[in-house]
């Protein structure tokens, strides 16, 4: 298998290549709170209602904007302004010229390694349907 992410820029990737780059961690689908005075962003353990928290994927990816109008659609042109993307995010890593982690499915060959490495939303998040106030769900862990 060619390592297209090492040979192409994000802008040069085909749609299937772009989509396959997602590591399936689900972290970008967690709610974040921003302090309006300082601009500081605080992660929570509250997942979008469409996130399958076990698999780290959207339950209705093609129609997500219809159900979650403020869902951010990642694109190569937007990556420079999305500081809240997890430091482990494959899109961010490629954008910054860094290698993918060993647990990334394009390296390991398995979509389970992101979960086995403890790098996904599996096991520590709640759905926004059950969460209540977001302020009660701020987490200290690095995303």
N, C-alpha and C. Protein backbone atom coordinates (compact mmCIF):
# COMPACT_ATOMS: atom_id res chain seq x y z
N UNK A 1 0.84 -1.19 0.00
CA UNK A 1 0.00 0.00 0.00
C UNK A 1 0.88 1.25 0.00
N UNK A 2 0.57 2.16 -0.88
CA UNK A 2 1.34 3.40 -0.91
C UNK A 2 0.91 4.30 0.25
N UNK A 3 1.85 5.01 0.76
CA UNK A 3 1.57 5.95 1.84
C UNK A 3 1.26 7.32 1.22
N UNK A 4 0.06 7.40 0.66
CA UNK A 4 -0.34 8.60 -0.07
C UNK A 4 -0.23 9.86 0.77
N UNK A 5 -0.46 9.75 2.07
CA UNK A 5 -0.39 10.91 2.97
C UNK A 5 1.02 11.45 3.10
N UNK A 6 2.01 10.66 2.75
CA UNK A 6 3.40 11.12 2.77
C UNK A 6 3.83 11.66 1.41
N UNK A 7 3.07 11.33 0.38
CA UNK A 7 3.43 11.73 -0.98
C UNK A 7 2.60 12.90 -1.50
N UNK A 8 1.44 13.13 -0.91
CA UNK A 8 0.53 14.17 -1.38
C UNK A 8 0.24 15.18 -0.29
N UNK A 9 -0.09 16.37 -0.71
CA UNK A 9 -0.60 17.35 0.24
C UNK A 9 -2.07 17.03 0.47
N UNK A 10 -2.63 17.60 1.49
CA UNK A 10 -4.06 17.39 1.76
C UNK A 10 -4.91 17.84 0.58
N UNK A 11 -4.50 18.91 -0.07
CA UNK A 11 -5.24 19.44 -1.22
C UNK A 11 -5.19 18.50 -2.43
N UNK A 12 -4.14 17.72 -2.53
CA UNK A 12 -3.95 16.80 -3.67
C UNK A 12 -4.69 15.48 -3.50
N UNK A 13 -5.15 15.19 -2.30
CA UNK A 13 -5.78 13.90 -2.04
C UNK A 13 -7.14 13.79 -2.72
N UNK A 14 -7.43 12.58 -3.18
CA UNK A 14 -8.77 12.30 -3.71
C UNK A 14 -9.74 12.25 -2.53
N UNK A 15 -11.02 12.30 -2.82
CA UNK A 15 -12.02 12.24 -1.75
C UNK A 15 -11.88 10.96 -0.93
N UNK A 16 -11.74 9.77 -1.57
CA UNK A 16 -11.55 8.55 -0.78
C UNK A 16 -10.28 8.58 0.08
N UNK A 17 -9.20 9.13 -0.44
CA UNK A 17 -7.97 9.24 0.35
C UNK A 17 -8.21 10.16 1.55
N UNK A 18 -8.84 11.31 1.31
CA UNK A 18 -9.14 12.26 2.38
C UNK A 18 -9.97 11.59 3.47
N UNK A 19 -11.02 10.92 3.08
CA UNK A 19 -11.91 10.27 4.06
C UNK A 19 -11.18 9.17 4.81
N UNK A 20 -10.30 8.43 4.14
CA UNK A 20 -9.60 7.33 4.81
C UNK A 20 -8.57 7.84 5.82
N UNK A 21 -8.20 9.08 5.72
CA UNK A 21 -7.23 9.65 6.65
C UNK A 21 -7.80 9.78 8.07
N UNK A 22 -9.10 9.91 8.19
CA UNK A 22 -9.73 10.01 9.51
C UNK A 22 -9.37 8.79 10.34
N UNK A 23 -8.87 9.02 11.56
CA UNK A 23 -8.44 7.89 12.38
C UNK A 23 -9.58 7.25 13.16
N UNK A 24 -10.78 7.85 13.13
CA UNK A 24 -11.92 7.25 13.81
C UNK A 24 -11.88 7.38 15.32
N UNK A 25 -11.22 8.43 15.81
CA UNK A 25 -11.15 8.61 17.26
C UNK A 25 -12.43 9.22 17.83
N UNK A 26 -13.12 10.03 17.02
CA UNK A 26 -14.35 10.68 17.47
C UNK A 26 -14.12 11.94 18.29
N UNK A 27 -12.90 12.30 18.57
CA UNK A 27 -12.62 13.45 19.44
C UNK A 27 -13.08 14.78 18.85
N UNK A 28 -13.07 14.90 17.54
CA UNK A 28 -13.50 16.17 16.95
C UNK A 28 -15.01 16.35 17.11
N UNK A 29 -15.72 15.28 17.46
CA UNK A 29 -17.17 15.34 17.64
C UNK A 29 -17.56 15.57 19.09
N UNK A 30 -16.60 15.90 19.93
CA UNK A 30 -16.89 16.24 21.32
C UNK A 30 -17.15 17.73 21.44
N UNK A 31 -18.08 18.09 22.30
CA UNK A 31 -18.38 19.50 22.51
C UNK A 31 -17.23 20.18 23.25
N UNK A 32 -16.99 21.42 22.87
CA UNK A 32 -15.97 22.23 23.52
C UNK A 32 -16.63 23.52 24.00
N UNK A 33 -16.12 24.06 25.08
CA UNK A 33 -16.61 25.34 25.60
C UNK A 33 -15.52 26.37 25.43
N UNK A 34 -15.91 27.56 24.99
CA UNK A 34 -14.94 28.64 24.82
C UNK A 34 -15.23 29.76 25.80
N UNK A 35 -14.20 30.18 26.51
CA UNK A 35 -14.31 31.33 27.41
C UNK A 35 -14.36 32.58 26.54
N UNK A 36 -15.46 33.30 26.58
CA UNK A 36 -15.62 34.47 25.71
C UNK A 36 -14.63 35.58 26.00
N UNK A 37 -14.15 35.67 27.24
CA UNK A 37 -13.20 36.73 27.60
C UNK A 37 -11.78 36.40 27.19
N UNK A 38 -11.38 35.14 27.39
CA UNK A 38 -9.98 34.78 27.13
C UNK A 38 -9.78 34.03 25.81
N UNK A 39 -10.85 33.45 25.28
CA UNK A 39 -10.75 32.65 24.07
C UNK A 39 -10.26 31.23 24.32
N UNK A 40 -10.00 30.91 25.59
CA UNK A 40 -9.55 29.56 25.93
C UNK A 40 -10.64 28.55 25.61
N UNK A 41 -10.24 27.40 25.09
CA UNK A 41 -11.18 26.34 24.73
C UNK A 41 -11.02 25.19 25.71
N UNK A 42 -12.15 24.73 26.25
CA UNK A 42 -12.14 23.65 27.22
C UNK A 42 -12.88 22.44 26.65
N UNK A 43 -12.19 21.31 26.56
CA UNK A 43 -12.85 20.11 26.04
C UNK A 43 -13.79 19.50 27.07
N UNK A 44 -14.80 18.82 26.59
CA UNK A 44 -15.72 18.09 27.46
C UNK A 44 -15.73 16.63 27.04
N UNK A 45 -16.40 15.82 27.84
CA UNK A 45 -16.57 14.42 27.48
C UNK A 45 -17.95 14.17 26.85
N UNK A 46 -18.56 15.24 26.35
CA UNK A 46 -19.91 15.17 25.78
C UNK A 46 -19.82 15.08 24.26
N UNK A 47 -20.36 13.99 23.74
CA UNK A 47 -20.30 13.73 22.31
C UNK A 47 -21.56 14.20 21.59
N UNK A 48 -21.38 14.61 20.36
CA UNK A 48 -22.49 14.93 19.48
C UNK A 48 -23.45 13.75 19.47
N UNK A 49 -24.72 14.03 19.37
CA UNK A 49 -25.71 12.96 19.40
C UNK A 49 -25.60 11.99 18.23
N UNK A 50 -24.93 12.41 17.16
CA UNK A 50 -24.76 11.52 16.01
C UNK A 50 -23.52 10.64 16.10
N UNK A 51 -22.66 10.89 17.07
CA UNK A 51 -21.43 10.12 17.17
C UNK A 51 -21.70 8.73 17.74
N UNK A 52 -21.25 7.73 17.02
CA UNK A 52 -21.23 6.37 17.54
C UNK A 52 -19.98 6.30 18.41
N UNK A 53 -20.16 6.40 19.71
CA UNK A 53 -19.03 6.52 20.63
C UNK A 53 -18.22 5.24 20.74
N UNK A 54 -18.76 4.14 20.33
CA UNK A 54 -18.00 2.88 20.35
C UNK A 54 -17.06 2.79 19.15
N UNK A 55 -17.53 3.24 17.99
CA UNK A 55 -16.73 3.12 16.77
C UNK A 55 -16.03 4.41 16.37
N UNK A 56 -16.38 5.53 16.99
CA UNK A 56 -15.73 6.81 16.67
C UNK A 56 -16.12 7.37 15.33
N UNK A 57 -17.35 7.07 14.90
CA UNK A 57 -17.80 7.56 13.60
C UNK A 57 -19.21 8.13 13.69
N UNK A 58 -19.54 8.96 12.72
CA UNK A 58 -20.85 9.59 12.67
C UNK A 58 -21.89 8.57 12.21
N UNK A 59 -23.03 8.55 12.89
CA UNK A 59 -24.09 7.60 12.53
C UNK A 59 -24.79 7.97 11.23
N UNK A 60 -24.69 9.24 10.83
CA UNK A 60 -25.32 9.68 9.58
C UNK A 60 -24.46 10.73 8.90
N UNK A 61 -23.24 10.33 8.57
CA UNK A 61 -22.25 11.24 8.01
C UNK A 61 -22.74 12.02 6.79
N UNK A 62 -23.38 11.38 5.82
CA UNK A 62 -23.82 12.14 4.63
C UNK A 62 -24.85 13.23 4.94
N UNK A 63 -25.65 13.03 5.99
CA UNK A 63 -26.73 13.98 6.30
C UNK A 63 -26.51 14.74 7.60
N UNK A 64 -25.30 14.70 8.13
CA UNK A 64 -25.05 15.29 9.45
C UNK A 64 -25.39 16.77 9.55
N UNK A 65 -25.16 17.52 8.49
CA UNK A 65 -25.43 18.98 8.53
C UNK A 65 -26.93 19.26 8.67
N UNK A 66 -27.74 18.35 8.21
CA UNK A 66 -29.19 18.53 8.34
C UNK A 66 -29.62 18.40 9.80
N UNK A 67 -28.98 17.47 10.53
CA UNK A 67 -29.34 17.22 11.92
C UNK A 67 -28.51 18.05 12.91
N UNK A 68 -27.29 18.40 12.52
CA UNK A 68 -26.39 19.20 13.37
C UNK A 68 -25.86 20.34 12.50
N UNK A 69 -26.64 21.42 12.37
CA UNK A 69 -26.27 22.51 11.45
C UNK A 69 -24.89 23.12 11.71
N UNK A 70 -24.42 23.12 12.95
CA UNK A 70 -23.12 23.73 13.23
C UNK A 70 -21.97 22.72 13.19
N UNK A 71 -22.22 21.52 12.66
CA UNK A 71 -21.16 20.54 12.49
C UNK A 71 -20.11 21.13 11.56
N UNK A 72 -18.86 21.04 11.97
CA UNK A 72 -17.76 21.59 11.17
C UNK A 72 -17.32 20.54 10.16
N UNK A 73 -17.37 20.89 8.89
CA UNK A 73 -16.89 20.00 7.86
C UNK A 73 -15.42 20.30 7.62
N UNK A 74 -14.57 19.33 7.91
CA UNK A 74 -13.14 19.53 7.74
C UNK A 74 -12.78 19.66 6.26
N UNK A 75 -11.87 20.53 6.00
CA UNK A 75 -11.32 20.67 4.65
C UNK A 75 -9.88 21.15 4.81
N UNK A 76 -9.09 20.92 3.78
CA UNK A 76 -7.69 21.34 3.83
C UNK A 76 -7.56 22.84 4.06
N UNK A 77 -8.47 23.61 3.48
CA UNK A 77 -8.39 25.07 3.61
C UNK A 77 -8.79 25.57 5.00
N UNK A 78 -9.48 24.75 5.80
CA UNK A 78 -9.92 25.16 7.13
C UNK A 78 -8.97 24.73 8.24
N UNK A 79 -8.07 23.81 7.96
CA UNK A 79 -7.26 23.23 9.03
C UNK A 79 -6.44 24.25 9.80
N UNK A 80 -5.96 25.29 9.15
CA UNK A 80 -5.14 26.29 9.84
C UNK A 80 -5.91 27.06 10.90
N UNK A 81 -7.24 27.07 10.82
CA UNK A 81 -8.03 27.83 11.79
C UNK A 81 -8.71 26.95 12.84
N UNK A 82 -8.46 25.66 12.82
CA UNK A 82 -9.11 24.74 13.75
C UNK A 82 -8.13 24.28 14.84
N UNK A 83 -7.77 25.20 15.71
CA UNK A 83 -6.79 24.88 16.76
C UNK A 83 -7.30 23.82 17.73
N UNK A 84 -8.60 23.63 17.80
CA UNK A 84 -9.19 22.68 18.73
C UNK A 84 -9.10 21.23 18.26
N UNK A 85 -8.65 21.01 17.02
CA UNK A 85 -8.48 19.63 16.58
C UNK A 85 -7.50 18.92 17.50
N UNK A 86 -7.78 17.67 17.82
CA UNK A 86 -6.86 16.94 18.71
C UNK A 86 -5.43 16.91 18.16
N UNK A 87 -4.47 16.93 19.05
CA UNK A 87 -3.07 16.90 18.62
C UNK A 87 -2.73 15.59 17.92
N UNK A 88 -3.53 14.57 18.12
CA UNK A 88 -3.31 13.26 17.51
C UNK A 88 -4.04 13.10 16.18
N UNK A 89 -4.85 14.07 15.79
CA UNK A 89 -5.67 13.99 14.58
C UNK A 89 -4.79 13.83 13.33
N UNK A 90 -5.11 12.83 12.52
CA UNK A 90 -4.32 12.57 11.32
C UNK A 90 -4.32 13.75 10.36
N UNK A 91 -5.45 14.44 10.23
CA UNK A 91 -5.50 15.61 9.35
C UNK A 91 -4.52 16.68 9.85
N UNK A 92 -4.53 16.90 11.15
CA UNK A 92 -3.61 17.89 11.74
C UNK A 92 -2.16 17.46 11.57
N UNK A 93 -1.88 16.19 11.82
CA UNK A 93 -0.51 15.69 11.70
C UNK A 93 0.02 15.86 10.28
N UNK A 94 -0.77 15.47 9.29
CA UNK A 94 -0.33 15.60 7.89
C UNK A 94 -0.16 17.08 7.54
N UNK A 95 -1.10 17.92 7.98
CA UNK A 95 -1.02 19.36 7.75
C UNK A 95 0.27 19.94 8.31
N UNK A 96 0.68 19.44 9.48
CA UNK A 96 1.89 19.93 10.15
C UNK A 96 3.15 19.20 9.69
N UNK A 97 3.03 18.27 8.74
CA UNK A 97 4.19 17.54 8.23
C UNK A 97 4.73 16.49 9.17
N UNK A 98 3.88 15.99 10.06
CA UNK A 98 4.29 14.99 11.04
C UNK A 98 3.79 13.61 10.62
N UNK A 99 4.43 12.55 11.12
CA UNK A 99 3.99 11.19 10.77
C UNK A 99 2.73 10.78 11.52
N UNK A 100 2.02 9.83 10.95
CA UNK A 100 0.86 9.26 11.63
C UNK A 100 1.36 8.37 12.77
N UNK A 101 0.52 8.22 13.78
CA UNK A 101 0.87 7.36 14.91
C UNK A 101 0.77 5.90 14.52
N UNK A 102 1.50 5.06 15.24
CA UNK A 102 1.49 3.62 14.95
C UNK A 102 0.10 3.01 15.07
N UNK A 103 -0.76 3.59 15.91
CA UNK A 103 -2.10 3.04 16.10
C UNK A 103 -3.08 3.47 15.01
N UNK A 104 -2.69 4.36 14.12
CA UNK A 104 -3.58 4.78 13.03
C UNK A 104 -3.83 3.60 12.10
N UNK A 105 -5.06 3.43 11.69
CA UNK A 105 -5.42 2.26 10.88
C UNK A 105 -4.66 2.16 9.56
N UNK A 106 -4.23 3.28 9.00
CA UNK A 106 -3.45 3.22 7.76
C UNK A 106 -2.05 2.65 8.00
N UNK A 107 -1.58 2.70 9.24
CA UNK A 107 -0.29 2.13 9.61
C UNK A 107 -0.49 0.70 10.14
N UNK A 108 -1.44 0.54 11.06
CA UNK A 108 -1.63 -0.75 11.73
C UNK A 108 -2.42 -1.77 10.91
N UNK A 109 -3.27 -1.27 10.01
CA UNK A 109 -4.12 -2.16 9.24
C UNK A 109 -5.43 -2.52 9.92
N UNK A 110 -5.68 -1.94 11.09
CA UNK A 110 -6.91 -2.25 11.84
C UNK A 110 -7.54 -0.98 12.40
N UNK A 111 -8.85 -0.90 12.28
CA UNK A 111 -9.58 0.24 12.85
C UNK A 111 -9.73 0.12 14.37
N UNK A 112 -9.34 -0.99 14.94
CA UNK A 112 -9.45 -1.20 16.39
C UNK A 112 -8.26 -0.64 17.16
N UNK A 113 -7.14 -0.41 16.49
CA UNK A 113 -5.94 0.01 17.23
C UNK A 113 -6.07 1.40 17.85
N UNK A 114 -6.86 2.28 17.27
CA UNK A 114 -7.08 3.60 17.87
C UNK A 114 -7.77 3.44 19.22
N UNK A 115 -8.67 2.47 19.32
CA UNK A 115 -9.39 2.23 20.57
C UNK A 115 -8.49 1.50 21.57
N UNK A 116 -7.75 0.50 21.09
CA UNK A 116 -6.85 -0.26 21.96
C UNK A 116 -5.78 0.64 22.57
N UNK A 117 -5.37 1.67 21.82
CA UNK A 117 -4.36 2.61 22.32
C UNK A 117 -4.95 3.65 23.27
N UNK A 118 -6.27 3.62 23.46
CA UNK A 118 -6.92 4.59 24.35
C UNK A 118 -7.01 5.98 23.76
N UNK A 119 -6.98 6.06 22.44
CA UNK A 119 -6.97 7.37 21.78
C UNK A 119 -8.33 7.78 21.21
N UNK A 120 -9.38 7.05 21.54
CA UNK A 120 -10.70 7.36 20.99
C UNK A 120 -11.69 7.74 22.09
N UNK A 121 -12.91 7.98 21.68
CA UNK A 121 -13.97 8.36 22.61
C UNK A 121 -14.58 7.15 23.32
N UNK A 122 -14.16 5.98 22.94
CA UNK A 122 -14.73 4.75 23.52
C UNK A 122 -14.45 4.68 25.02
N UNK A 123 -15.52 4.53 25.78
CA UNK A 123 -15.39 4.26 27.21
C UNK A 123 -15.33 5.44 28.16
N UNK A 124 -15.24 6.67 27.67
CA UNK A 124 -15.13 7.79 28.61
C UNK A 124 -16.01 8.99 28.25
N UNK A 125 -16.89 8.84 27.30
CA UNK A 125 -17.74 9.95 26.89
C UNK A 125 -19.21 9.64 27.13
N UNK A 126 -20.01 10.69 27.10
CA UNK A 126 -21.47 10.57 27.21
C UNK A 126 -22.10 11.29 26.02
N UNK A 127 -23.30 10.89 25.70
CA UNK A 127 -24.02 11.53 24.61
C UNK A 127 -24.62 12.85 25.09
N UNK A 128 -24.71 13.81 24.20
CA UNK A 128 -25.32 15.09 24.56
C UNK A 128 -26.78 14.91 24.97
N UNK A 129 -27.40 13.84 24.55
CA UNK A 129 -28.79 13.56 24.90
C UNK A 129 -28.92 13.34 26.41
N UNK A 130 -27.88 12.78 27.03
CA UNK A 130 -27.91 12.44 28.46
C UNK A 130 -27.10 13.38 29.34
N UNK A 131 -26.36 14.29 28.77
CA UNK A 131 -25.33 15.03 29.51
C UNK A 131 -25.83 16.12 30.45
N UNK A 132 -26.80 16.89 30.06
CA UNK A 132 -27.15 18.05 30.87
C UNK A 132 -26.22 19.20 30.55
N UNK A 133 -25.86 19.99 31.58
CA UNK A 133 -25.04 21.17 31.37
C UNK A 133 -23.60 20.82 31.03
N UNK A 134 -23.11 21.40 29.93
CA UNK A 134 -21.75 21.11 29.46
C UNK A 134 -20.68 21.48 30.48
N UNK A 135 -20.91 22.55 31.24
CA UNK A 135 -19.92 23.01 32.21
C UNK A 135 -19.57 21.92 33.22
N UNK A 136 -20.48 20.99 33.45
CA UNK A 136 -20.24 19.91 34.40
C UNK A 136 -19.43 18.77 33.79
N UNK A 137 -19.09 18.88 32.52
CA UNK A 137 -18.41 17.80 31.80
C UNK A 137 -17.05 18.18 31.26
N UNK A 138 -16.47 19.29 31.72
CA UNK A 138 -15.13 19.69 31.27
C UNK A 138 -14.13 18.62 31.75
N UNK A 139 -13.23 18.24 30.86
CA UNK A 139 -12.24 17.22 31.18
C UNK A 139 -10.83 17.81 31.17
N UNK A 140 -9.96 17.20 31.91
CA UNK A 140 -8.58 17.65 32.01
C UNK A 140 -7.68 16.98 30.97
N UNK A 141 -8.16 15.91 30.38
CA UNK A 141 -7.33 15.16 29.44
C UNK A 141 -7.07 15.94 28.18
N UNK A 142 -5.89 15.72 27.61
CA UNK A 142 -5.55 16.38 26.35
C UNK A 142 -6.27 15.67 25.22
N UNK A 143 -6.85 16.46 24.36
CA UNK A 143 -7.49 15.88 23.18
C UNK A 143 -6.58 16.15 22.04
